[in-house]
Full PDB file with SEQRES, HELIX, SHEET, SSBOND, CRYST1, ORIGX, SCALE, CONECT and MASTER records, all heavy atoms in Angstrom:
SEQRES   1 A   41  LEU GLY LEU LYS THR VAL LEU ALA ALA ASP VAL PRO THR          
SEQRES   2 A   41  MET ILE PHE ASP GLU VAL ASP THR GLY ILE GLY GLY ARG          
SEQRES   3 A   41  THR ALA THR LEU VAL GLY HIS LYS LEU ARG ALA VAL ALA          
SEQRES   4 A   41  GLN GLY                                                      
HELIX    1 AA1 GLY A    2  ALA A    8  1                                   7    
HELIX    2 AA2 GLY A   25  VAL A   38  1                                  14    
CRYST1    1.000    1.000    1.000  90.00  90.00  90.00 P 1           1          
ORIGX1      1.000000  0.000000  0.000000        0.00000                         
ORIGX2      0.000000  1.000000  0.000000        0.00000                         
ORIGX3      0.000000  0.000000  1.000000        0.00000                         
SCALE1      1.000000  0.000000  0.000000        0.00000                         
SCALE2      0.000000  1.000000  0.000000        0.00000                         
SCALE3      0.000000  0.000000  1.000000        0.00000                         
ATOM      1  N   LEU A   1     -14.165 -11.740   5.474  1.00  0.00           N  
ATOM      2  CA  LEU A   1     -12.828 -12.020   5.317  1.00  0.00           C  
ATOM      3  C   LEU A   1     -12.200 -11.094   4.287  1.00  0.00           C  
ATOM      4  O   LEU A   1     -11.160 -10.423   4.449  1.00  0.00           O  
ATOM      5  CB  LEU A   1     -12.505 -13.482   4.886  1.00  0.00           C  
ATOM      6  CG  LEU A   1     -11.076 -13.907   4.560  1.00  0.00           C  
ATOM      7  CD1 LEU A   1     -10.168 -13.459   5.684  1.00  0.00           C  
ATOM      8  CD2 LEU A   1     -10.935 -15.325   4.186  1.00  0.00           C  
ATOM      9  N   GLY A   2     -12.893 -10.862   3.183  1.00  0.00           N  
ATOM     10  CA  GLY A   2     -12.488 -10.021   2.069  1.00  0.00           C  
ATOM     11  C   GLY A   2     -12.436  -8.595   2.539  1.00  0.00           C  
ATOM     12  O   GLY A   2     -11.564  -7.815   2.276  1.00  0.00           O  
ATOM     13  N   LEU A   3     -13.472  -8.170   3.230  1.00  0.00           N  
ATOM     14  CA  LEU A   3     -13.645  -6.793   3.678  1.00  0.00           C  
ATOM     15  C   LEU A   3     -12.536  -6.451   4.644  1.00  0.00           C  
ATOM     16  O   LEU A   3     -11.881  -5.393   4.660  1.00  0.00           O  
ATOM     17  CB  LEU A   3     -14.970  -6.557   4.377  1.00  0.00           C  
ATOM     18  CG  LEU A   3     -15.456  -5.242   4.645  1.00  0.00           C  
ATOM     19  CD1 LEU A   3     -15.451  -4.355   3.325  1.00  0.00           C  
ATOM     20  CD2 LEU A   3     -16.808  -5.158   5.333  1.00  0.00           C  
ATOM     21  N   LYS A   4     -12.271  -7.344   5.651  1.00  0.00           N  
ATOM     22  CA  LYS A   4     -11.210  -7.076   6.627  1.00  0.00           C  
ATOM     23  C   LYS A   4      -9.851  -7.023   5.899  1.00  0.00           C  
ATOM     24  O   LYS A   4      -8.982  -6.252   6.204  1.00  0.00           O  
ATOM     25  CB  LYS A   4     -11.163  -8.183   7.638  1.00  0.00           C  
ATOM     26  CG  LYS A   4     -12.170  -7.989   8.764  1.00  0.00           C  
ATOM     27  CD  LYS A   4     -11.894  -8.952   9.921  1.00  0.00           C  
ATOM     28  CE  LYS A   4     -12.715  -8.674  11.122  1.00  0.00           C  
ATOM     29  NZ  LYS A   4     -12.319  -9.460  12.391  1.00  0.00           N  
ATOM     30  N   THR A   5      -9.640  -7.873   4.888  1.00  0.00           N  
ATOM     31  CA  THR A   5      -8.352  -7.939   4.198  1.00  0.00           C  
ATOM     32  C   THR A   5      -8.143  -6.630   3.422  1.00  0.00           C  
ATOM     33  O   THR A   5      -7.075  -5.990   3.494  1.00  0.00           O  
ATOM     34  CB  THR A   5      -8.284  -9.065   3.193  1.00  0.00           C  
ATOM     35  OG1 THR A   5      -8.616 -10.288   3.967  1.00  0.00           O  
ATOM     36  CG2 THR A   5      -7.021  -9.097   2.504  1.00  0.00           C  
ATOM     37  N   VAL A   6      -9.147  -6.161   2.767  1.00  0.00           N  
ATOM     38  CA  VAL A   6      -9.152  -4.915   1.930  1.00  0.00           C  
ATOM     39  C   VAL A   6      -8.813  -3.653   2.871  1.00  0.00           C  
ATOM     40  O   VAL A   6      -8.017  -2.821   2.543  1.00  0.00           O  
ATOM     41  CB  VAL A   6     -10.404  -4.696   1.068  1.00  0.00           C  
ATOM     42  CG1 VAL A   6     -10.424  -3.270   0.568  1.00  0.00           C  
ATOM     43  CG2 VAL A   6     -10.526  -5.771   0.022  1.00  0.00           C  
ATOM     44  N   LEU A   7      -9.516  -3.643   3.984  1.00  0.00           N  
ATOM     45  CA  LEU A   7      -9.454  -2.508   4.873  1.00  0.00           C  
ATOM     46  C   LEU A   7      -8.332  -2.527   5.828  1.00  0.00           C  
ATOM     47  O   LEU A   7      -7.976  -1.604   6.504  1.00  0.00           O  
ATOM     48  CB  LEU A   7     -10.778  -2.378   5.681  1.00  0.00           C  
ATOM     49  CG  LEU A   7     -12.031  -2.090   4.783  1.00  0.00           C  
ATOM     50  CD1 LEU A   7     -13.275  -2.083   5.733  1.00  0.00           C  
ATOM     51  CD2 LEU A   7     -11.894  -0.831   4.037  1.00  0.00           C  
ATOM     52  N   ALA A   8      -7.592  -3.674   5.914  1.00  0.00           N  
ATOM     53  CA  ALA A   8      -6.504  -3.906   6.894  1.00  0.00           C  
ATOM     54  C   ALA A   8      -5.328  -2.940   6.694  1.00  0.00           C  
ATOM     55  O   ALA A   8      -4.839  -2.360   7.656  1.00  0.00           O  
ATOM     56  CB  ALA A   8      -6.029  -5.331   6.881  1.00  0.00           C  
ATOM     57  N   ALA A   9      -4.925  -2.782   5.424  1.00  0.00           N  
ATOM     58  CA  ALA A   9      -3.777  -1.860   5.045  1.00  0.00           C  
ATOM     59  C   ALA A   9      -2.616  -2.257   5.930  1.00  0.00           C  
ATOM     60  O   ALA A   9      -2.019  -3.356   5.855  1.00  0.00           O  
ATOM     61  CB  ALA A   9      -4.209  -0.485   5.199  1.00  0.00           C  
ATOM     62  N   ASP A  10      -2.241  -1.373   6.898  1.00  0.00           N  
ATOM     63  CA  ASP A  10      -1.068  -1.569   7.669  1.00  0.00           C  
ATOM     64  C   ASP A  10      -1.394  -2.082   9.100  1.00  0.00           C  
ATOM     65  O   ASP A  10      -0.522  -2.033   9.995  1.00  0.00           O  
ATOM     66  CB  ASP A  10      -0.236  -0.276   7.801  1.00  0.00           C  
ATOM     67  CG  ASP A  10       0.247   0.279   6.490  1.00  0.00           C  
ATOM     68  OD1 ASP A  10       0.599  -0.635   5.632  1.00  0.00           O  
ATOM     69  OD2 ASP A  10       0.271   1.486   6.239  1.00  0.00           O  
ATOM     70  N   VAL A  11      -2.589  -2.669   9.195  1.00  0.00           N  
ATOM     71  CA  VAL A  11      -2.885  -3.195  10.518  1.00  0.00           C  
ATOM     72  C   VAL A  11      -2.046  -4.391  10.859  1.00  0.00           C  
ATOM     73  O   VAL A  11      -1.914  -5.371  10.142  1.00  0.00           O  
ATOM     74  CB  VAL A  11      -4.383  -3.673  10.515  1.00  0.00           C  
ATOM     75  CG1 VAL A  11      -4.707  -4.354  11.860  1.00  0.00           C  
ATOM     76  CG2 VAL A  11      -5.307  -2.481  10.316  1.00  0.00           C  
ATOM     77  N   PRO A  12      -1.241  -4.356  12.015  1.00  0.00           N  
ATOM     78  CA  PRO A  12      -0.263  -5.412  12.293  1.00  0.00           C  
ATOM     79  C   PRO A  12      -0.942  -6.720  12.802  1.00  0.00           C  
ATOM     80  O   PRO A  12      -0.250  -7.840  12.584  1.00  0.00           O  
ATOM     81  CB  PRO A  12       0.607  -4.767  13.345  1.00  0.00           C  
ATOM     82  CG  PRO A  12      -0.355  -3.815  14.066  1.00  0.00           C  
ATOM     83  CD  PRO A  12      -1.311  -3.354  13.086  1.00  0.00           C  
ATOM     84  N   THR A  13      -2.086  -6.698  13.298  1.00  0.00           N  
ATOM     85  CA  THR A  13      -2.749  -7.908  13.865  1.00  0.00           C  
ATOM     86  C   THR A  13      -4.224  -7.940  13.400  1.00  0.00           C  
ATOM     87  O   THR A  13      -4.894  -6.933  13.645  1.00  0.00           O  
ATOM     88  CB  THR A  13      -2.576  -7.947  15.326  1.00  0.00           C  
ATOM     89  OG1 THR A  13      -1.202  -7.951  15.752  1.00  0.00           O  
ATOM     90  CG2 THR A  13      -3.232  -9.256  15.910  1.00  0.00           C  
ATOM     91  N   MET A  14      -4.576  -9.149  12.905  1.00  0.00           N  
ATOM     92  CA  MET A  14      -6.021  -9.291  12.498  1.00  0.00           C  
ATOM     93  C   MET A  14      -6.532 -10.506  13.317  1.00  0.00           C  
ATOM     94  O   MET A  14      -5.802 -11.491  13.414  1.00  0.00           O  
ATOM     95  CB  MET A  14      -6.149  -9.501  11.037  1.00  0.00           C  
ATOM     96  CG  MET A  14      -5.727  -8.265  10.189  1.00  0.00           C  
ATOM     97  SD  MET A  14      -5.784  -8.600   8.439  1.00  0.00           S  
ATOM     98  CE  MET A  14      -7.515  -8.710   8.126  1.00  0.00           C  
ATOM     99  N   ILE A  15      -7.747 -10.441  13.734  1.00  0.00           N  
ATOM    100  CA  ILE A  15      -8.399 -11.560  14.429  1.00  0.00           C  
ATOM    101  C   ILE A  15      -9.700 -11.958  13.702  1.00  0.00           C  
ATOM    102  O   ILE A  15     -10.499 -11.237  13.423  1.00  0.00           O  
ATOM    103  CB  ILE A  15      -8.788 -11.132  15.830  1.00  0.00           C  
ATOM    104  CG1 ILE A  15      -7.536 -10.679  16.677  1.00  0.00           C  
ATOM    105  CG2 ILE A  15      -9.450 -12.216  16.645  1.00  0.00           C  
ATOM    106  CD1 ILE A  15      -7.758 -10.054  17.970  1.00  0.00           C  
ATOM    107  N   PHE A  16      -9.799 -13.252  13.375  1.00  0.00           N  
ATOM    108  CA  PHE A  16     -10.958 -13.871  12.797  1.00  0.00           C  
ATOM    109  C   PHE A  16     -11.476 -14.984  13.756  1.00  0.00           C  
ATOM    110  O   PHE A  16     -10.790 -15.907  14.089  1.00  0.00           O  
ATOM    111  CB  PHE A  16     -10.575 -14.546  11.469  1.00  0.00           C  
ATOM    112  CG  PHE A  16     -10.089 -13.581  10.439  1.00  0.00           C  
ATOM    113  CD1 PHE A  16      -8.711 -13.291  10.248  1.00  0.00           C  
ATOM    114  CD2 PHE A  16     -10.979 -12.784   9.642  1.00  0.00           C  
ATOM    115  CE1 PHE A  16      -8.237 -12.425   9.280  1.00  0.00           C  
ATOM    116  CE2 PHE A  16     -10.437 -11.909   8.721  1.00  0.00           C  
ATOM    117  CZ  PHE A  16      -9.070 -11.756   8.546  1.00  0.00           C  
ATOM    118  N   ASP A  17     -12.657 -14.677  14.166  1.00  0.00           N  
ATOM    119  CA  ASP A  17     -13.371 -15.731  15.058  1.00  0.00           C  
ATOM    120  C   ASP A  17     -14.407 -16.584  14.294  1.00  0.00           C  
ATOM    121  O   ASP A  17     -15.481 -16.039  13.903  1.00  0.00           O  
ATOM    122  CB  ASP A  17     -14.062 -14.944  16.217  1.00  0.00           C  
ATOM    123  CG  ASP A  17     -14.610 -15.915  17.270  1.00  0.00           C  
ATOM    124  OD1 ASP A  17     -14.415 -17.183  17.086  1.00  0.00           O  
ATOM    125  OD2 ASP A  17     -15.321 -15.520  18.110  1.00  0.00           O  
ATOM    126  N   GLU A  18     -14.055 -17.779  13.947  1.00  0.00           N  
ATOM    127  CA  GLU A  18     -14.888 -18.631  13.168  1.00  0.00           C  
ATOM    128  C   GLU A  18     -15.363 -17.982  11.875  1.00  0.00           C  
ATOM    129  O   GLU A  18     -16.575 -18.075  11.536  1.00  0.00           O  
ATOM    130  CB  GLU A  18     -16.080 -19.127  14.059  1.00  0.00           C  
ATOM    131  CG  GLU A  18     -15.634 -19.828  15.290  1.00  0.00           C  
ATOM    132  CD  GLU A  18     -16.748 -20.446  16.067  1.00  0.00           C  
ATOM    133  OE1 GLU A  18     -17.825 -20.639  15.515  1.00  0.00           O  
ATOM    134  OE2 GLU A  18     -16.616 -20.701  17.245  1.00  0.00           O  
ATOM    135  N   VAL A  19     -14.374 -17.521  11.088  1.00  0.00           N  
ATOM    136  CA  VAL A  19     -14.691 -16.861   9.822  1.00  0.00           C  
ATOM    137  C   VAL A  19     -15.038 -17.976   8.786  1.00  0.00           C  
ATOM    138  O   VAL A  19     -15.570 -17.654   7.699  1.00  0.00           O  
ATOM    139  CB  VAL A  19     -13.510 -16.064   9.337  1.00  0.00           C  
ATOM    140  CG1 VAL A  19     -12.349 -17.010   8.836  1.00  0.00           C  
ATOM    141  CG2 VAL A  19     -13.842 -15.163   8.119  1.00  0.00           C  
ATOM    142  N   ASP A  20     -14.916 -19.224   9.184  1.00  0.00           N  
ATOM    143  CA  ASP A  20     -15.239 -20.300   8.256  1.00  0.00           C  
ATOM    144  C   ASP A  20     -16.646 -20.840   8.533  1.00  0.00           C  
ATOM    145  O   ASP A  20     -16.971 -21.939   8.100  1.00  0.00           O  
ATOM    146  CB  ASP A  20     -14.166 -21.503   8.510  1.00  0.00           C  
ATOM    147  CG  ASP A  20     -13.913 -21.795   9.943  1.00  0.00           C  
ATOM    148  OD1 ASP A  20     -14.877 -21.666  10.713  1.00  0.00           O  
ATOM    149  OD2 ASP A  20     -12.803 -22.102  10.249  1.00  0.00           O  
ATOM    150  N   THR A  21     -17.481 -20.148   9.238  1.00  0.00           N  
ATOM    151  CA  THR A  21     -18.845 -20.582   9.520  1.00  0.00           C  
ATOM    152  C   THR A  21     -19.555 -20.953   8.326  1.00  0.00           C  
ATOM    153  O   THR A  21     -19.659 -20.086   7.329  1.00  0.00           O  
ATOM    154  CB  THR A  21     -19.566 -19.518  10.406  1.00  0.00           C  
ATOM    155  OG1 THR A  21     -18.894 -19.295  11.631  1.00  0.00           O  
ATOM    156  CG2 THR A  21     -20.997 -19.969  10.692  1.00  0.00           C  
ATOM    157  N   GLY A  22     -20.105 -22.140   8.219  1.00  0.00           N  
ATOM    158  CA  GLY A  22     -21.055 -22.468   7.170  1.00  0.00           C  
ATOM    159  C   GLY A  22     -20.374 -22.876   5.865  1.00  0.00           C  
ATOM    160  O   GLY A  22     -21.062 -22.947   4.841  1.00  0.00           O  
ATOM    161  N   ILE A  23     -18.996 -23.103   5.901  1.00  0.00           N  
ATOM    162  CA  ILE A  23     -18.281 -23.580   4.641  1.00  0.00           C  
ATOM    163  C   ILE A  23     -17.656 -24.888   4.959  1.00  0.00           C  
ATOM    164  O   ILE A  23     -17.526 -25.353   6.100  1.00  0.00           O  
ATOM    165  CB  ILE A  23     -17.280 -22.535   4.233  1.00  0.00           C  
ATOM    166  CG1 ILE A  23     -16.183 -22.413   5.257  1.00  0.00           C  
ATOM    167  CG2 ILE A  23     -17.953 -21.312   3.944  1.00  0.00           C  
ATOM    168  CD1 ILE A  23     -15.051 -21.556   4.792  1.00  0.00           C  
ATOM    169  N   GLY A  24     -17.255 -25.545   3.938  1.00  0.00           N  
ATOM    170  CA  GLY A  24     -16.561 -26.808   4.059  1.00  0.00           C  
ATOM    171  C   GLY A  24     -15.956 -27.254   2.663  1.00  0.00           C  
ATOM    172  O   GLY A  24     -15.986 -26.476   1.740  1.00  0.00           O  
ATOM    173  N   GLY A  25     -15.321 -28.426   2.630  1.00  0.00           N  
ATOM    174  CA  GLY A  25     -14.730 -28.823   1.407  1.00  0.00           C  
ATOM    175  C   GLY A  25     -13.694 -27.933   0.742  1.00  0.00           C  
ATOM    176  O   GLY A  25     -12.860 -27.417   1.420  1.00  0.00           O  
ATOM    177  N   ARG A  26     -13.858 -27.792  -0.589  1.00  0.00           N  
ATOM    178  CA  ARG A  26     -12.908 -26.996  -1.405  1.00  0.00           C  
ATOM    179  C   ARG A  26     -12.876 -25.540  -0.902  1.00  0.00           C  
ATOM    180  O   ARG A  26     -11.862 -24.882  -0.791  1.00  0.00           O  
ATOM    181  CB  ARG A  26     -13.194 -27.111  -2.799  1.00  0.00           C  
ATOM    182  CG  ARG A  26     -12.339 -26.241  -3.736  1.00  0.00           C  
ATOM    183  CD  ARG A  26     -12.600 -26.424  -5.221  1.00  0.00           C  
ATOM    184  NE  ARG A  26     -11.835 -25.545  -6.053  1.00  0.00           N  
ATOM    185  CZ  ARG A  26     -12.129 -24.308  -6.335  1.00  0.00           C  
ATOM    186  NH1 ARG A  26     -13.316 -23.794  -5.955  1.00  0.00           N  
ATOM    187  NH2 ARG A  26     -11.348 -23.540  -7.128  1.00  0.00           N  
ATOM    188  N   THR A  27     -14.073 -24.993  -0.514  1.00  0.00           N  
ATOM    189  CA  THR A  27     -14.166 -23.596  -0.115  1.00  0.00           C  
ATOM    190  C   THR A  27     -13.410 -23.367   1.119  1.00  0.00           C  
ATOM    191  O   THR A  27     -12.724 -22.347   1.268  1.00  0.00           O  
ATOM    192  CB  THR A  27     -15.653 -23.230   0.128  1.00  0.00           C  
ATOM    193  OG1 THR A  27     -16.357 -23.441  -1.151  1.00  0.00           O  
ATOM    194  CG2 THR A  27     -15.800 -21.693   0.491  1.00  0.00           C  
ATOM    195  N   ALA A  28     -13.468 -24.337   2.109  1.00  0.00           N  
ATOM    196  CA  ALA A  28     -12.731 -24.183   3.330  1.00  0.00           C  
ATOM    197  C   ALA A  28     -11.283 -24.202   3.128  1.00  0.00           C  
ATOM    198  O   ALA A  28     -10.437 -23.476   3.743  1.00  0.00           O  
ATOM    199  CB  ALA A  28     -13.116 -25.343   4.302  1.00  0.00           C  
ATOM    200  N   THR A  29     -10.775 -24.971   2.090  1.00  0.00           N  
ATOM    201  CA  THR A  29      -9.374 -24.983   1.731  1.00  0.00           C  
ATOM    202  C   THR A  29      -8.939 -23.600   1.192  1.00  0.00           C  
ATOM    203  O   THR A  29      -7.950 -23.105   1.499  1.00  0.00           O  
ATOM    204  CB  THR A  29      -9.081 -26.092   0.722  1.00  0.00           C  
ATOM    205  OG1 THR A  29      -9.481 -27.391   1.295  1.00  0.00           O  
ATOM    206  CG2 THR A  29      -7.608 -26.171   0.305  1.00  0.00           C  
ATOM    207  N   LEU A  30      -9.783 -23.029   0.341  1.00  0.00           N  
ATOM    208  CA  LEU A  30      -9.464 -21.794  -0.305  1.00  0.00           C  
ATOM    209  C   LEU A  30      -9.473 -20.630   0.822  1.00  0.00           C  
ATOM    210  O   LEU A  30      -8.512 -19.833   0.739  1.00  0.00           O  
ATOM    211  CB  LEU A  30     -10.600 -21.452  -1.233  1.00  0.00           C  
ATOM    212  CG  LEU A  30     -10.646 -22.202  -2.575  1.00  0.00           C  
ATOM    213  CD1 LEU A  30     -11.885 -21.855  -3.398  1.00  0.00           C  
ATOM    214  CD2 LEU A  30      -9.401 -22.012  -3.385  1.00  0.00           C  
ATOM    215  N   VAL A  31     -10.361 -20.749   1.752  1.00  0.00           N  
ATOM    216  CA  VAL A  31     -10.298 -19.765   2.863  1.00  0.00           C  
ATOM    217  C   VAL A  31      -9.075 -19.930   3.694  1.00  0.00           C  
ATOM    218  O   VAL A  31      -8.407 -18.951   4.155  1.00  0.00           O  
ATOM    219  CB  VAL A  31     -11.524 -19.963   3.762  1.00  0.00           C  
ATOM    220  CG1 VAL A  31     -11.449 -19.093   5.022  1.00  0.00           C  
ATOM    221  CG2 VAL A  31     -12.779 -19.408   3.050  1.00  0.00           C  
ATOM    222  N   GLY A  32      -8.644 -21.126   3.915  1.00  0.00           N  
ATOM    223  CA  GLY A  32      -7.396 -21.491   4.742  1.00  0.00           C  
ATOM    224  C   GLY A  32      -6.195 -20.774   4.039  1.00  0.00           C  
ATOM    225  O   GLY A  32      -5.367 -20.198   4.620  1.00  0.00           O  
ATOM    226  N   HIS A  33      -6.139 -21.072   2.784  1.00  0.00           N  
ATOM    227  CA  HIS A  33      -4.941 -20.481   2.006  1.00  0.00           C  
ATOM    228  C   HIS A  33      -5.032 -18.967   1.963  1.00  0.00           C  
ATOM    229  O   HIS A  33      -3.999 -18.312   1.949  1.00  0.00           O  
ATOM    230  CB  HIS A  33      -4.960 -21.078   0.574  1.00  0.00           C  
ATOM    231  CG  HIS A  33      -4.482 -22.515   0.482  1.00  0.00           C  
ATOM    232  ND1 HIS A  33      -3.149 -22.906   0.845  1.00  0.00           N  
ATOM    233  CD2 HIS A  33      -5.238 -23.644   0.248  1.00  0.00           C  
ATOM    234  CE1 HIS A  33      -3.100 -24.250   0.768  1.00  0.00           C  
ATOM    235  NE2 HIS A  33      -4.318 -24.691   0.365  1.00  0.00           N  
ATOM    236  N   LYS A  34      -6.230 -18.438   1.846  1.00  0.00           N  
ATOM    237  CA  LYS A  34      -6.430 -17.017   1.903  1.00  0.00           C  
ATOM    238  C   LYS A  34      -5.883 -16.370   3.190  1.00  0.00           C  
ATOM    239  O   LYS A  34      -5.210 -15.379   3.195  1.00  0.00           O  
ATOM    240  CB  LYS A  34      -7.839 -16.631   1.659  1.00  0.00           C  
ATOM    241  CG  LYS A  34      -8.111 -15.136   1.553  1.00  0.00           C  
ATOM    242  CD  LYS A  34      -7.374 -14.474   0.430  1.00  0.00           C  
ATOM    243  CE  LYS A  34      -7.763 -13.009   0.249  1.00  0.00           C  
ATOM    244  NZ  LYS A  34      -7.009 -12.323  -0.871  1.00  0.00           N  
ATOM    245  N   LEU A  35      -6.253 -17.038   4.248  1.00  0.00           N  
ATOM    246  CA  LEU A  35      -5.782 -16.553   5.589  1.00  0.00           C  
ATOM    247  C   LEU A  35      -4.268 -16.572   5.702  1.00  0.00           C  
ATOM    248  O   LEU A  35      -3.670 -15.738   6.261  1.00  0.00           O  
ATOM    249  CB  LEU A  35      -6.516 -17.401   6.709  1.00  0.00           C  
ATOM    250  CG  LEU A  35      -7.989 -17.096   6.968  1.00  0.00           C  
ATOM    251  CD1 LEU A  35      -8.591 -18.305   7.824  1.00  0.00           C  
ATOM    252  CD2 LEU A  35      -8.122 -15.806   7.735  1.00  0.00           C  
ATOM    253  N   ARG A  36      -3.728 -17.675   5.132  1.00  0.00           N  
ATOM    254  CA  ARG A  36      -2.226 -17.842   5.139  1.00  0.00           C  
ATOM    255  C   ARG A  36      -1.609 -16.701   4.347  1.00  0.00           C  
ATOM    256  O   ARG A  36      -0.576 -16.149   4.758  1.00  0.00           O  
ATOM    257  CB  ARG A  36      -1.817 -19.239   4.536  1.00  0.00           C  
ATOM    258  CG  ARG A  36      -0.374 -19.562   4.809  1.00  0.00           C  
ATOM    259  CD  ARG A  36      -0.121 -21.049   4.360  1.00  0.00           C  
ATOM    260  NE  ARG A  36       1.312 -21.315   4.509  1.00  0.00           N  
ATOM    261  CZ  ARG A  36       1.806 -21.711   5.702  1.00  0.00           C  
ATOM    262  NH1 ARG A  36       1.168 -21.826   6.771  1.00  0.00           N  
ATOM    263  NH2 ARG A  36       3.148 -21.985   5.736  1.00  0.00           N  
ATOM    264  N   ALA A  37      -2.256 -16.355   3.215  1.00  0.00           N  
ATOM    265  CA  ALA A  37      -1.617 -15.205   2.468  1.00  0.00           C  
ATOM    266  C   ALA A  37      -1.716 -13.940   3.114  1.00  0.00           C  
ATOM    267  O   ALA A  37      -0.859 -13.132   3.138  1.00  0.00           O  
ATOM    268  CB  ALA A  37      -2.399 -15.150   1.108  1.00  0.00           C  
ATOM    269  N   VAL A  38      -2.907 -13.733   3.818  1.00  0.00           N  
ATOM    270  CA  VAL A  38      -3.136 -12.476   4.548  1.00  0.00           C  
ATOM    271  C   VAL A  38      -2.123 -12.381   5.699  1.00  0.00           C  
ATOM    272  O   VAL A  38      -1.670 -11.181   6.067  1.00  0.00           O  
ATOM    273  CB  VAL A  38      -4.573 -12.458   5.153  1.00  0.00           C  
ATOM    274  CG1 VAL A  38      -4.769 -11.274   6.087  1.00  0.00           C  
ATOM    275  CG2 VAL A  38      -5.594 -12.335   4.073  1.00  0.00           C  
ATOM    276  N   ALA A  39      -1.639 -13.506   6.201  1.00  0.00           N  
ATOM    277  CA  ALA A  39      -0.689 -13.448   7.349  1.00  0.00           C  
ATOM    278  C   ALA A  39       0.702 -13.137   6.961  1.00  0.00           C  
ATOM    279  O   ALA A  39       1.573 -13.024   7.839  1.00  0.00           O  
ATOM    280  CB  ALA A  39      -0.689 -14.836   8.075  1.00  0.00           C  
ATOM    281  N   GLN A  40       0.963 -12.999   5.642  1.00  0.00           N  
ATOM    282  CA  GLN A  40       2.346 -12.655   5.197  1.00  0.00           C  
ATOM    283  C   GLN A  40       2.574 -11.152   5.623  1.00  0.00           C  
ATOM    284  O   GLN A  40       1.943 -10.306   4.978  1.00  0.00           O  
ATOM    285  CB  GLN A  40       2.470 -12.910   3.700  1.00  0.00           C  
ATOM    286  CG  GLN A  40       2.179 -14.320   3.266  1.00  0.00           C  
ATOM    287  CD  GLN A  40       3.052 -15.391   4.033  1.00  0.00           C  
ATOM    288  OE1 GLN A  40       4.247 -15.214   4.110  1.00  0.00           O  
ATOM    289  NE2 GLN A  40       2.378 -16.341   4.609  1.00  0.00           N  
ATOM    290  N   GLY A  41       3.451 -10.882   6.497  1.00  0.00           N  
ATOM    291  CA  GLY A  41       3.760  -9.544   6.870  1.00  0.00           C  
ATOM    292  C   GLY A  41       2.957  -8.991   7.982  1.00  0.00           C  
ATOM    293  O   GLY A  41       3.148  -7.886   8.418  1.00  0.00           O  
TER     294      GLY A  41                                                      
MASTER        0    0    0    2    0    0    0    6  293    1    0    4          
END                                                                             
C-alpha cells in the first residue's frame, strides 16, 4: 500500500485487491483511513 502510494504520483486510478490481507482491529482501521486519504484527488 505504501509503495503504490509513493509511486502513484499522478496516476488517476489505483486498484487494491485485498490489500488488507492478514490484518485486523486498529491496523485495519488505519489502512482504511489511509486508503481514503489516497483517494483524495
